[in-house]
Every structure is written in structure tokens, then in C-alpha cells.
Amino acid sequence: MTSLAPAARLERIPAALWRQAAVLVVGGFLSRLTTSIVNIGLAPMGEGFGVPLDTMQWVATGYLLALAAAIPISAWAARRVGPTRLWFASLALFILVSVACALSATAGQLIATRVLLGLCGGLLVPVGQMLLGMAAGPGRMGRLMGTMGIVVVLAPAIGSTVGSALLAWQGWPWLFWINVPLGLTALLAGWRWLPRTEPGAAGAAGRLDLPGLLLLTLGLPLMTWSVAAIAQAGGFGAAAADGALLLGLVLIAGFVLRARGMEAPLIRIGLLRHRIFGPAGLILFCGGFTVYGAQIALPLYYLLVRHETVFMTGLLILPQDLGIALAMPLSGRLADRFGGGRLVLAGIVLTVLGTVPLAFLEAHTSYLWLSAVLAVRGFGMVLSGMPAMTVALASLPKERVPDGVPLLNILDRTGASIGAALAVALFGLFLPPGPTYLMGALAAFDITHGFLALVAALPLLPALILLRAERQR
């Protein structure tokens, strides 16, 4: 087992490894950027297609669900064809499907192509993390995974700002056209700098567990849709939503039971019993829930309550990006030197402190105060996100890293999809029509963010467990 003791002296990282990290970051950055860049465009796209917000939110939620559906096969596929080949194929398809998204003529076409885009993008981040995790070693894991933290934290944060600029400049199709030049740049750089890995480089592939894949890829979307539908309805009682939730839970339980009884399962659920990996996984689930739920809820306050333009809304969310930029250079180096447990705990506390005030906003809350709150929130998101993943992966033997990466990503993406769907559902549930629309929008926003603050605080106990386990090693 790999030691997690903080390093007294940091191992040098070769320039070639930094170049590989930079290329992999660009590919994964695209997958995460398009997750959030669309959120600020949901309302304008809905107006353009003539469909309500609760329909257009499936452009965002469908992508997140497809990401989660693709991740389970990432470890098997990487072992089957080689991690580098899989990364190239996923990125090439991601570029092509982005073009299809930009050319969509109806809301239905856009939702369908976004699901396909999610299936491609769902492989980019975990496969990139596999390549880095296998090459880095424990003494360099924190700094390199901190670089990958740009994917996990910075891309979702700047998505609103970039998206608002593109909407003001050219319109919603450019939310997808932007993927083409960035993706082609990553392909060319990867062809030059990424090492060629043969099939089996990440371990023996074995047979693909098709029944397990079917159970998981059907169970997760059913559970996510039903949770959002039940919340939007104000509780249980709708037969379709209740039945979908029950069926989704049965399918997921069936997958867990099947995985536990297999020697080479699609996803090694047993890793969650690890005293370090398990708490870190729960932290990432709650983090994904909070981050992506807020990415949809926050623009609604500026658009509907403060009546700001889309472009101005993006600028007003920018302080969160600045907090992220300040924390990003520190997180990986501090995790390598002092251990990740302390950073994770501090990050969760800061994220909660930066989310709770959003549940008490008024129609004329100071933008200066809001900017300070968002900066604190962004700083905390960095410290609680990547260090948790770094500690989790560093606790595993090298041969188990390809199994740990997809499991952590599934937890993160599942939390993100449920958080995004629930944020829209709760907002719609507490948003009354008629002349009280303004105050109703404010109340709906406050309630939604109050719920997100509660979820942000849930990982405090797992963080304490993680810190204790790390100290005992």
C-alpha cells in the first residue's frame, strides 16, 4: 500500500511529464467546460426553441447523466485498447459531436446530441487521470493532480463567464463551436507529447460485464430523473416518478450485489470500504452536487431577481473564478507537503461559509458583498475537491488506480447530475406565477441555495474521518 505521509522534500517533476499533464488538462477541460458553459444559456435557448426551462435543463442534466454512464467502461476500455488510444478517440468524437450540437434545429435534437457528447466527454477526464496517476507516483501525485484540478474546479467556474460572453457575441451555437478549435489544439499537442501505450498497459482487460453495465446505465438516469420529478411535484404521489425511483434503486442495488460477487467487476465497489478512499468518495459526491447545483441556481438570481443581462451575469460570477485562481497554485503543493486531509476539511468549511449567505439574499444585496462571498466559495471548492481525489488515489496500490479513477468520477458526476436536476426542480417548485413573481423568484432562489448549503456541510464528518485515517498512517 502506498504511504500517504507528507513529503519532507518534494520530488522533482520532469518537463516531459508537465507537458503531458498540460495536454491532458486541455482535453479534460473541454469535457468540464461544456458541462457548465451551457447552464447560463438554458433560458435563452429555451426562448429560442419555445420550450420551458424544465425541458431545457435536460440539455445540462442529460449531458451529466451521459458522463456518468460512460465512466464505468473507462477502466475496461483503457485496458482493452490502451489509455492513450482511448483518449485520442474520445477527443476526436467529442469534437465531431460538438459540431452536431451547434447545428441542432430543435430542442429535442440538442438534447440528443448533448447526450452523445456526454458519452464522449465522459472518458476524457478519467482516462487523463489514469495516465497521470500511473506516471506520477505518490510523491508527485498532489502537484500533477492539482494541475488536473483545473479540469475539476476551474472549468465549471469560468463556464458562466465564458458562456455569457459567447451569448452576447454570437449566440448559443457558439457554446459548442468553441470546443472545435480547443479540441483540435489538444489533439495536435497530444500527438506530439503523449506517450504511446499499448493494450494491457493499465492491466488485463478481461471480459466486459455487459449485464452490470446495463444495470448501472439504466439505474443512474432513472434515479436522477425521478428525484428531480418528485421534488418538482412537492413530494411523493406521482406514479411515474415514484415507480422510476423504485426501479432505479433496484437496478443500482442489483449492480452493487453483482459487483461484490465478481472477481473482475465493471466498477470495484469494494474500494468504498477503504478507510481513506470511502470518505473521499462521499466528499466528491457532495462536492459535485453543490458545485453544479449552484452553477444553475446562481445565474437565475442575477437574471430573474436583479434583471441583469446575460453578459453582466457572467461578469458578476467572475469573483468565484478569482478565488479559484488564487487557490489553484497552492492546493497540489500543500497536499504533497502536509497531506490532503487538512486541506479538504478547510475547503469544506470555506465552501459552506461561501454558500450559506446565498440563502439569505435580498433584492438589493450589495454586489460587493456577493463578490466576497463567491471568492471565498471558489477558494474552498479548490481545497476540498482535488486534494480529496489525490488522497484517495494515493492510498491505492498502483495497479488499482485505473479502478479508483472511474469510481471517484462516477460519484462526482452522479452528485453533479442530481444536484443540477434538483436545483431546477426546487426553483420551479417555489416559483409562483403572477404579480408576486419577483419576490417568488427571490424566495425560490434562497430556498434552493439553503438546500445546497446543507449538502455542502454533509462532508464535514467524512473529512474528519479522512484526516484521522491519514494521521494514523
Protein backbone atom coordinates (compact mmCIF):
# COMPACT_ATOMS: atom_id res chain seq x y z
CA MET A 1 0.00 0.00 0.00
CA THR A 2 1.22 3.46 -0.87
CA SER A 3 2.26 5.67 2.01
CA LEU A 4 0.43 8.92 2.45
CA ALA A 5 2.87 10.54 4.81
CA PRO A 6 3.53 14.15 3.86
CA ALA A 7 6.78 14.53 1.98
CA ALA A 8 9.58 16.44 3.65
CA ARG A 9 11.20 17.13 0.26
CA LEU A 10 9.22 17.28 -2.95
CA GLU A 11 10.25 15.03 -5.82
CA ARG A 12 11.21 16.86 -8.99
CA ILE A 13 8.72 16.60 -11.87
CA PRO A 14 10.38 16.29 -15.31
CA ALA A 15 9.43 18.77 -18.03
CA ALA A 16 8.10 15.93 -20.21
CA LEU A 17 5.62 14.95 -17.51
CA TRP A 18 4.44 18.55 -17.16
CA ARG A 19 3.85 18.67 -20.93
CA GLN A 20 1.79 15.50 -20.77
CA ALA A 21 -0.23 16.96 -17.88
CA ALA A 22 -0.88 20.15 -19.85
CA VAL A 23 -2.22 18.22 -22.86
CA LEU A 24 -4.44 16.01 -20.73
CA VAL A 25 -5.74 19.06 -18.89
CA VAL A 26 -6.90 20.65 -22.15
CA GLY A 27 -8.83 17.53 -23.15
CA GLY A 28 -10.46 17.15 -19.75
CA PHE A 29 -11.02 20.92 -19.54
CA LEU A 30 -13.28 20.71 -22.59
CA SER A 31 -15.37 17.97 -21.02
CA ARG A 32 -15.90 20.02 -17.87
CA LEU A 33 -16.20 23.41 -19.58
CA THR A 34 -19.09 22.32 -21.76
CA THR A 35 -20.77 20.95 -18.64
CA SER A 36 -21.18 24.45 -17.20
CA ILE A 37 -20.88 26.79 -20.17
CA VAL A 38 -24.36 25.76 -21.30
CA ASN A 39 -26.01 26.48 -17.95
CA ILE A 40 -26.13 30.23 -18.47
CA GLY A 41 -27.62 29.67 -21.92
CA LEU A 42 -30.53 27.47 -20.83
CA ALA A 43 -33.01 30.34 -20.56
CA PRO A 44 -32.04 31.98 -23.90
CA MET A 45 -32.07 28.59 -25.66
CA GLY A 46 -35.49 27.82 -24.19
CA GLU A 47 -36.84 31.12 -25.52
CA GLY A 48 -35.32 30.43 -28.94
CA PHE A 49 -36.77 26.92 -29.19
CA GLY A 50 -40.04 27.90 -27.49
CA VAL A 51 -39.77 25.37 -24.65
CA PRO A 52 -39.86 25.86 -20.83
CA LEU A 53 -36.84 25.81 -18.53
CA ASP A 54 -37.72 22.42 -17.02
CA THR A 55 -37.38 20.94 -20.51
CA MET A 56 -34.20 22.78 -21.46
CA GLN A 57 -32.49 21.75 -18.22
CA TRP A 58 -32.18 18.28 -19.75
CA VAL A 59 -29.56 19.79 -22.07
CA ALA A 60 -27.46 20.08 -18.90
CA THR A 61 -28.72 17.08 -16.94
CA GLY A 62 -28.69 14.73 -19.96
CA TYR A 63 -25.04 15.55 -20.55
CA LEU A 64 -24.15 14.88 -16.91
CA LEU A 65 -26.03 11.57 -16.91
CA ALA A 66 -24.25 10.52 -20.10
CA LEU A 67 -20.92 11.40 -18.48
CA ALA A 68 -21.76 9.13 -15.56
CA ALA A 69 -22.90 6.36 -17.93
CA ALA A 70 -19.63 6.43 -19.90
CA ILE A 71 -17.30 6.41 -16.91
CA PRO A 72 -17.95 2.77 -15.84
CA ILE A 73 -16.38 1.40 -19.01
CA SER A 74 -13.35 3.71 -18.86
CA ALA A 75 -11.14 1.31 -16.88
CA TRP A 76 -12.06 -1.70 -19.05
CA ALA A 77 -11.70 0.26 -22.32
CA ALA A 78 -8.34 1.73 -21.26
CA ARG A 79 -7.02 -1.76 -20.55
CA ARG A 80 -8.51 -3.10 -23.78
CA VAL A 81 -7.19 -0.54 -26.31
CA GLY A 82 -4.61 1.37 -24.27
CA PRO A 83 -5.21 4.64 -22.35
CA THR A 84 -3.61 6.93 -24.94
CA ARG A 85 -5.53 5.48 -27.90
CA LEU A 86 -8.79 5.74 -25.95
CA TRP A 87 -8.05 9.37 -25.10
CA PHE A 88 -7.42 10.28 -28.75
CA ALA A 89 -10.58 8.51 -29.96
CA SER A 90 -12.75 10.13 -27.27
CA LEU A 91 -11.46 13.62 -28.03
CA ALA A 92 -11.91 13.23 -31.81
CA LEU A 93 -15.52 12.10 -31.37
CA PHE A 94 -16.11 14.89 -28.85
CA ILE A 95 -15.13 17.47 -31.48
CA LEU A 96 -17.41 15.96 -34.13
CA VAL A 97 -20.44 15.74 -31.85
CA SER A 98 -19.87 19.34 -30.71
CA VAL A 99 -20.40 20.38 -34.32
CA ALA A 100 -23.67 18.41 -34.35
CA CYS A 101 -24.80 20.21 -31.17
CA ALA A 102 -24.10 23.62 -32.71
CA LEU A 103 -26.16 22.70 -35.80
CA SER A 104 -29.21 21.42 -33.85
CA ALA A 105 -32.51 22.83 -35.14
CA THR A 106 -34.82 21.75 -32.29
CA ALA A 107 -34.62 21.29 -28.54
CA GLY A 108 -35.01 17.53 -28.99
CA GLN A 109 -32.05 17.38 -31.38
CA LEU A 110 -29.92 19.42 -28.99
CA ILE A 111 -30.76 17.21 -26.01
CA ALA A 112 -29.99 14.06 -28.03
CA THR A 113 -26.65 15.34 -29.33
CA ARG A 114 -25.72 16.56 -25.85
CA VAL A 115 -26.24 13.02 -24.56
CA LEU A 116 -23.88 11.75 -27.28
CA LEU A 117 -21.42 14.49 -26.34
CA GLY A 118 -21.56 13.33 -22.74
CA LEU A 119 -20.74 9.75 -23.73
CA CYS A 120 -17.58 11.03 -25.47
CA GLY A 121 -16.62 13.54 -22.80
CA GLY A 122 -17.22 11.02 -20.03
CA LEU A 123 -14.00 9.24 -20.94
CA LEU A 124 -11.67 12.25 -21.25
CA VAL A 125 -11.24 13.13 -17.56
CA PRO A 126 -10.91 9.61 -16.06
CA VAL A 127 -8.58 8.39 -18.81
CA GLY A 128 -6.43 11.50 -18.42
CA GLN A 129 -6.31 10.94 -14.67
CA MET A 130 -5.31 7.31 -15.25
CA LEU A 131 -2.41 8.33 -17.47
CA LEU A 132 -1.19 10.89 -14.95
CA GLY A 133 -1.76 8.68 -11.93
CA MET A 134 0.21 5.81 -13.47
CA ALA A 135 3.11 8.09 -14.44
CA ALA A 136 3.29 10.37 -11.40
CA GLY A 137 3.95 8.16 -8.38
CA PRO A 138 2.84 9.14 -4.85
CA GLY A 139 5.46 11.85 -4.29
CA ARG A 140 4.32 13.84 -7.33
CA MET A 141 0.64 12.91 -7.32
CA GLY A 142 -0.59 16.02 -5.50
CA ARG A 143 1.05 18.57 -7.79
CA LEU A 144 0.08 16.79 -11.01
CA MET A 145 -3.46 16.06 -9.84
CA GLY A 146 -3.59 19.67 -8.68
CA THR A 147 -2.96 20.56 -12.31
CA MET A 148 -5.87 18.31 -13.27
CA GLY A 149 -7.82 20.30 -10.67
CA ILE A 150 -8.10 22.96 -13.34
CA VAL A 151 -10.45 20.50 -15.03
CA VAL A 152 -12.43 19.66 -11.92
CA VAL A 153 -12.86 23.13 -10.46
CA LEU A 154 -11.81 25.95 -12.78
CA ALA A 155 -13.68 24.84 -15.91
CA PRO A 156 -17.13 24.70 -14.23
CA ALA A 157 -16.47 28.03 -12.55
CA ILE A 158 -15.46 30.03 -15.64
CA GLY A 159 -18.15 28.40 -17.77
CA SER A 160 -20.73 31.02 -16.83
CA THR A 161 -18.39 33.90 -17.68
CA VAL A 162 -17.25 32.42 -20.98
CA GLY A 163 -20.80 31.38 -21.87
CA SER A 164 -22.22 34.84 -21.22
CA ALA A 165 -19.56 36.41 -23.46
CA LEU A 166 -20.27 33.96 -26.28
CA LEU A 167 -24.03 34.50 -25.99
CA ALA A 168 -23.59 38.26 -26.18
CA TRP A 169 -21.19 37.96 -29.11
CA GLN A 170 -22.65 35.31 -31.41
CA GLY A 171 -25.49 33.33 -29.81
CA TRP A 172 -25.95 29.88 -28.27
CA PRO A 173 -24.42 27.73 -31.09
CA TRP A 174 -21.02 29.16 -30.13
CA LEU A 175 -21.37 27.47 -26.75
CA PHE A 176 -20.49 24.35 -28.77
CA TRP A 177 -18.38 25.75 -31.62
CA ILE A 178 -15.77 26.79 -29.05
CA ASN A 179 -14.98 23.10 -28.50
CA VAL A 180 -13.67 22.68 -32.05
CA PRO A 181 -10.50 24.85 -32.06
CA LEU A 182 -9.65 23.92 -28.46
CA GLY A 183 -10.16 20.23 -29.18
CA LEU A 184 -8.05 20.28 -32.36
CA THR A 185 -5.25 22.03 -30.46
CA ALA A 186 -5.31 19.29 -27.81
CA LEU A 187 -5.27 16.57 -30.48
CA LEU A 188 -2.20 18.00 -32.20
CA ALA A 189 -0.34 18.58 -28.92
CA GLY A 190 -1.23 15.11 -27.72
CA TRP A 191 0.05 13.52 -30.92
CA ARG A 192 3.41 15.15 -30.26
CA TRP A 193 3.80 14.79 -26.50
CA LEU A 194 1.69 11.94 -25.11
CA PRO A 195 3.41 8.55 -24.68
CA ARG A 196 2.03 5.68 -26.75
CA THR A 197 0.53 2.99 -24.53
CA GLU A 198 -0.30 -0.48 -25.77
CA PRO A 199 -3.37 -2.55 -24.83
CA GLY A 200 -2.80 -4.07 -21.41
CA ALA A 201 -0.57 -1.21 -20.21
CA ALA A 202 -3.13 -0.46 -17.49
CA GLY A 203 -3.63 -4.15 -16.66
CA ALA A 204 -5.54 -7.04 -18.19
CA ALA A 205 -8.95 -6.01 -19.55
CA GLY A 206 -10.87 -9.25 -19.04
CA ARG A 207 -14.44 -9.56 -20.30
CA LEU A 208 -16.77 -6.57 -20.30
CA ASP A 209 -19.58 -7.04 -17.78
CA LEU A 210 -22.49 -6.14 -20.09
CA PRO A 211 -25.27 -7.01 -17.59
CA GLY A 212 -23.58 -4.85 -14.96
CA LEU A 213 -23.14 -2.00 -17.45
CA LEU A 214 -26.84 -2.21 -18.35
CA LEU A 215 -27.92 -2.17 -14.70
CA LEU A 216 -25.82 0.90 -13.93
CA THR A 217 -26.51 2.93 -17.08
CA LEU A 218 -30.27 2.46 -16.66
CA GLY A 219 -30.35 2.81 -12.88
CA LEU A 220 -28.48 6.13 -12.57
CA PRO A 221 -30.62 8.12 -15.08
CA LEU A 222 -33.86 6.71 -13.66
CA MET A 223 -32.86 7.65 -10.13
CA THR A 224 -31.78 11.16 -11.14
CA TRP A 225 -34.90 11.90 -13.19
CA SER A 226 -37.23 10.57 -10.51
CA VAL A 227 -35.59 12.54 -7.69
CA ALA A 228 -35.98 15.77 -9.69
CA ALA A 229 -39.59 14.91 -10.67
CA ILE A 230 -40.57 14.12 -7.07
CA ALA A 231 -39.00 17.38 -5.85
CA GLN A 232 -40.76 19.37 -8.55
CA ALA A 233 -44.09 17.78 -7.60
CA GLY A 234 -43.58 18.68 -3.95
CA GLY A 235 -43.35 15.08 -2.70
CA PHE A 236 -44.30 11.51 -3.46
CA GLY A 237 -47.59 10.63 -5.13
CA ALA A 238 -46.92 10.70 -8.88
CA ALA A 239 -46.95 7.07 -10.02
CA ALA A 240 -44.41 7.54 -12.83
CA ALA A 241 -41.83 9.33 -10.69
CA ASP A 242 -42.28 7.02 -7.69
CA GLY A 243 -42.06 3.93 -9.89
CA ALA A 244 -38.96 5.24 -11.67
CA LEU A 245 -37.24 5.91 -8.32
CA LEU A 246 -38.01 2.41 -7.07
CA LEU A 247 -36.86 0.81 -10.32
CA GLY A 248 -33.69 2.92 -10.39
CA LEU A 249 -32.80 1.94 -6.82
CA VAL A 250 -33.46 -1.74 -7.57
CA LEU A 251 -31.21 -1.61 -10.66
CA ILE A 252 -28.39 0.11 -8.75
CA ALA A 253 -28.74 -2.37 -5.87
CA GLY A 254 -28.58 -5.18 -8.40
CA PHE A 255 -25.37 -3.75 -9.83
CA VAL A 256 -23.80 -3.46 -6.37
CA LEU A 257 -24.69 -7.07 -5.50
CA ARG A 258 -23.37 -8.28 -8.85
CA ALA A 259 -20.12 -6.30 -8.49
CA ARG A 260 -19.49 -7.63 -5.00
CA GLY A 261 -19.74 -11.21 -6.23
CA MET A 262 -17.38 -10.84 -9.21
CA GLU A 263 -13.62 -11.23 -9.32
CA ALA A 264 -13.23 -8.55 -12.01
CA PRO A 265 -16.29 -6.26 -11.78
CA LEU A 266 -17.01 -3.30 -14.02
CA ILE A 267 -16.59 -0.97 -11.02
CA ARG A 268 -14.85 -2.10 -7.84
CA ILE A 269 -17.46 -1.01 -5.32
CA GLY A 270 -15.40 -2.65 -2.59
CA LEU A 271 -12.93 0.23 -2.73
CA LEU A 272 -15.51 2.32 -0.85
CA ARG A 273 -14.84 0.17 2.22
CA HIS A 274 -11.30 1.56 2.30
CA ARG A 275 -11.00 3.90 5.28
CA ILE A 276 -9.46 6.66 3.15
CA PHE A 277 -10.97 6.06 -0.28
CA GLY A 278 -14.55 5.74 1.04
CA PRO A 279 -14.79 9.10 2.86
CA ALA A 280 -13.04 10.82 -0.05
CA GLY A 281 -15.65 9.41 -2.43
CA LEU A 282 -18.51 10.81 -0.34
CA ILE A 283 -16.78 14.20 -0.23
CA LEU A 284 -16.55 14.24 -4.04
CA PHE A 285 -20.23 13.24 -4.40
CA CYS A 286 -21.41 16.11 -2.19
CA GLY A 287 -18.94 18.49 -3.84
CA GLY A 288 -20.26 17.69 -7.32
CA PHE A 289 -23.84 18.11 -6.05
CA THR A 290 -23.14 21.55 -4.57
CA VAL A 291 -20.95 22.92 -7.36
CA TYR A 292 -23.22 22.02 -10.28
CA GLY A 293 -26.44 22.78 -8.44
CA ALA A 294 -25.12 26.27 -7.76
CA GLN A 295 -23.90 26.65 -11.36
CA ILE A 296 -27.55 26.53 -12.46
CA ALA A 297 -29.12 28.36 -9.50
CA LEU A 298 -26.72 31.29 -9.21
CA PRO A 299 -27.28 32.82 -12.69
CA LEU A 300 -31.05 32.71 -12.09
CA TYR A 301 -30.70 35.20 -9.23
CA TYR A 302 -28.93 37.76 -11.40
CA LEU A 303 -31.19 37.17 -14.41
CA LEU A 304 -34.62 36.97 -12.75
CA VAL A 305 -34.23 38.91 -9.50
CA ARG A 306 -31.68 41.59 -10.43
CA HIS A 307 -32.68 41.74 -14.13
CA GLU A 308 -29.08 41.75 -15.33
CA THR A 309 -28.08 40.88 -18.88
CA VAL A 310 -26.54 37.51 -19.65
CA PHE A 311 -23.14 39.11 -20.19
CA MET A 312 -23.29 41.08 -16.94
CA THR A 313 -24.37 37.92 -15.11
CA GLY A 314 -21.20 36.20 -16.28
CA LEU A 315 -19.07 39.09 -15.02
CA LEU A 316 -20.80 39.07 -11.63
CA ILE A 317 -19.93 35.38 -11.18
CA LEU A 318 -16.27 36.13 -12.02
CA PRO A 319 -15.17 36.67 -8.34
CA GLN A 320 -15.69 32.95 -7.76
CA ASP A 321 -13.22 32.31 -10.57
CA LEU A 322 -10.71 34.63 -8.90
CA GLY A 323 -10.97 32.68 -5.67
CA ILE A 324 -10.31 29.51 -7.62
CA ALA A 325 -7.32 31.07 -9.38
CA LEU A 326 -5.81 32.10 -6.03
CA ALA A 327 -6.19 28.64 -4.50
CA MET A 328 -5.21 26.56 -7.52
CA PRO A 329 -1.41 27.00 -7.35
CA LEU A 330 -1.44 26.19 -3.63
CA SER A 331 -3.60 23.06 -3.39
CA GLY A 332 -1.35 20.45 -5.02
CA ARG A 333 1.89 21.60 -3.41
CA LEU A 334 0.31 21.87 0.05
CA ALA A 335 -1.27 18.42 -0.33
CA ASP A 336 2.12 16.87 -1.19
CA ARG A 337 3.86 18.62 1.70
CA PHE A 338 1.29 18.49 4.53
CA GLY A 339 -1.21 15.83 3.46
CA GLY A 340 -4.65 16.32 1.93
CA GLY A 341 -6.87 15.77 4.97
CA ARG A 342 -6.31 19.23 6.46
CA LEU A 343 -6.89 20.94 3.12
CA VAL A 344 -10.10 19.02 2.48
CA LEU A 345 -11.52 19.97 5.88
CA ALA A 346 -10.57 23.63 5.44
CA GLY A 347 -12.02 23.64 1.92
CA ILE A 348 -15.37 22.24 3.04
CA VAL A 349 -15.65 24.85 5.80
CA LEU A 350 -14.89 27.66 3.33
CA THR A 351 -17.35 26.27 0.77
CA VAL A 352 -20.10 26.20 3.38
CA LEU A 353 -19.24 29.75 4.52
CA GLY A 354 -19.42 30.85 0.87
CA THR A 355 -22.75 29.12 0.24
CA VAL A 356 -24.83 29.86 3.35
CA PRO A 357 -25.05 33.65 2.68
CA LEU A 358 -26.58 32.91 -0.73
CA ALA A 359 -29.63 31.52 1.07
CA PHE A 360 -30.31 34.93 2.67
CA LEU A 361 -30.02 37.29 -0.27
CA GLU A 362 -32.46 40.13 -0.86
CA ALA A 363 -33.50 42.01 -3.97
CA HIS A 364 -30.84 44.69 -3.39
CA THR A 365 -27.99 42.79 -1.73
CA SER A 366 -24.64 44.55 -2.25
CA TYR A 367 -22.69 43.24 -5.22
CA LEU A 368 -19.50 43.88 -3.26
CA TRP A 369 -20.69 41.52 -0.51
CA LEU A 370 -21.76 38.96 -3.09
CA SER A 371 -18.34 39.14 -4.76
CA ALA A 372 -16.56 38.49 -1.45
CA VAL A 373 -18.84 35.51 -0.70
CA LEU A 374 -18.26 33.99 -4.13
CA ALA A 375 -14.48 34.44 -3.84
CA VAL A 376 -14.48 32.54 -0.53
CA ARG A 377 -16.64 29.85 -2.09
CA GLY A 378 -14.31 29.44 -5.06
CA PHE A 379 -11.26 29.20 -2.79
CA GLY A 380 -12.97 26.49 -0.72
CA MET A 381 -14.07 24.49 -3.77
CA VAL A 382 -10.45 24.05 -4.82
CA LEU A 383 -9.21 22.97 -1.40
CA SER A 384 -11.98 20.39 -0.92
CA GLY A 385 -12.02 18.96 -4.46
CA MET A 386 -8.69 17.87 -5.86
CA PRO A 387 -6.97 17.07 -2.53
CA ALA A 388 -9.76 14.59 -1.77
CA MET A 389 -9.21 12.83 -5.09
CA THR A 390 -5.44 12.96 -4.66
CA VAL A 391 -5.56 11.40 -1.19
CA ALA A 392 -7.96 8.71 -2.39
CA LEU A 393 -5.82 7.66 -5.36
CA ALA A 394 -2.55 7.87 -3.43
CA SER A 395 -3.97 5.43 -0.87
CA LEU A 396 -4.33 2.72 -3.53
CA PRO A 397 -1.70 0.40 -5.00
CA LYS A 398 -0.62 1.48 -8.49
CA GLU A 399 -2.50 -1.42 -10.13
CA ARG A 400 -5.77 -0.27 -8.52
CA VAL A 401 -5.54 3.35 -9.73
CA PRO A 402 -7.41 2.53 -13.01
CA ASP A 403 -10.23 1.10 -10.86
CA GLY A 404 -10.31 4.00 -8.41
CA VAL A 405 -10.44 6.78 -11.02
CA PRO A 406 -13.77 5.79 -12.64
CA LEU A 407 -15.43 5.13 -9.28
CA LEU A 408 -14.50 8.59 -7.98
CA ASN A 409 -15.66 10.19 -11.22
CA ILE A 410 -18.99 8.33 -11.11
CA LEU A 411 -19.60 9.65 -7.60
CA ASP A 412 -18.68 13.19 -8.65
CA ARG A 413 -20.77 13.15 -11.85
CA THR A 414 -23.75 11.45 -10.22
CA GLY A 415 -23.73 14.08 -7.49
CA ALA A 416 -23.47 16.76 -10.18
CA SER A 417 -26.40 15.44 -12.22
CA ILE A 418 -28.65 15.05 -9.18
CA GLY A 419 -27.62 18.49 -7.90
CA ALA A 420 -28.34 20.16 -11.24
CA ALA A 421 -31.72 18.44 -11.63
CA LEU A 422 -32.77 19.15 -8.05
CA ALA A 423 -31.71 22.81 -8.25
CA VAL A 424 -34.02 23.41 -11.21
CA ALA A 425 -36.80 21.33 -9.66
CA LEU A 426 -36.70 23.17 -6.32
CA PHE A 427 -36.53 26.55 -8.02
CA GLY A 428 -39.54 25.70 -10.16
CA LEU A 429 -41.47 24.30 -7.17
CA PHE A 430 -41.19 27.51 -5.13
CA LEU A 431 -41.56 29.93 -8.05
CA PRO A 432 -45.17 31.23 -8.07
CA PRO A 433 -46.69 32.84 -11.19
CA GLY A 434 -48.42 36.22 -11.33
CA PRO A 435 -47.64 39.63 -9.86
CA THR A 436 -45.58 38.17 -6.99
CA TYR A 437 -43.10 36.74 -9.50
CA LEU A 438 -40.12 38.87 -8.36
CA MET A 439 -40.42 38.05 -4.66
CA GLY A 440 -41.31 34.49 -5.55
CA ALA A 441 -38.12 34.16 -7.61
CA LEU A 442 -36.09 35.53 -4.69
CA ALA A 443 -37.70 33.09 -2.24
CA ALA A 444 -37.18 30.18 -4.64
CA PHE A 445 -33.53 31.12 -5.05
CA ASP A 446 -32.96 31.38 -1.28
CA ILE A 447 -34.61 28.03 -0.59
CA THR A 448 -32.60 26.33 -3.33
CA HIS A 449 -29.31 27.69 -2.02
CA GLY A 450 -30.25 26.84 1.55
CA PHE A 451 -30.61 23.23 0.46
CA LEU A 452 -27.27 23.37 -1.39
CA ALA A 453 -25.58 24.78 1.73
CA LEU A 454 -26.90 21.83 3.74
CA VAL A 455 -25.47 19.38 1.22
CA ALA A 456 -22.15 21.28 1.23
CA ALA A 457 -21.92 20.74 5.00
CA LEU A 458 -22.61 16.99 4.88
CA PRO A 459 -18.97 16.01 4.09
CA LEU A 460 -17.64 17.57 7.32
CA LEU A 461 -17.82 14.24 9.16
CA PRO A 462 -16.20 12.23 6.31
CA ALA A 463 -13.47 14.90 6.18
CA LEU A 464 -12.73 14.41 9.88
CA ILE A 465 -12.61 10.63 9.34
CA LEU A 466 -10.26 11.16 6.39
CA LEU A 467 -7.99 13.41 8.46
CA ARG A 468 -7.85 10.89 11.31
CA ALA A 469 -7.09 7.99 8.95
CA GLU A 470 -4.34 9.98 7.25
CA ARG A 471 -2.71 10.81 10.61
CA GLN A 472 -2.72 7.14 11.64
CA ARG A 473 -0.74 6.03 8.58
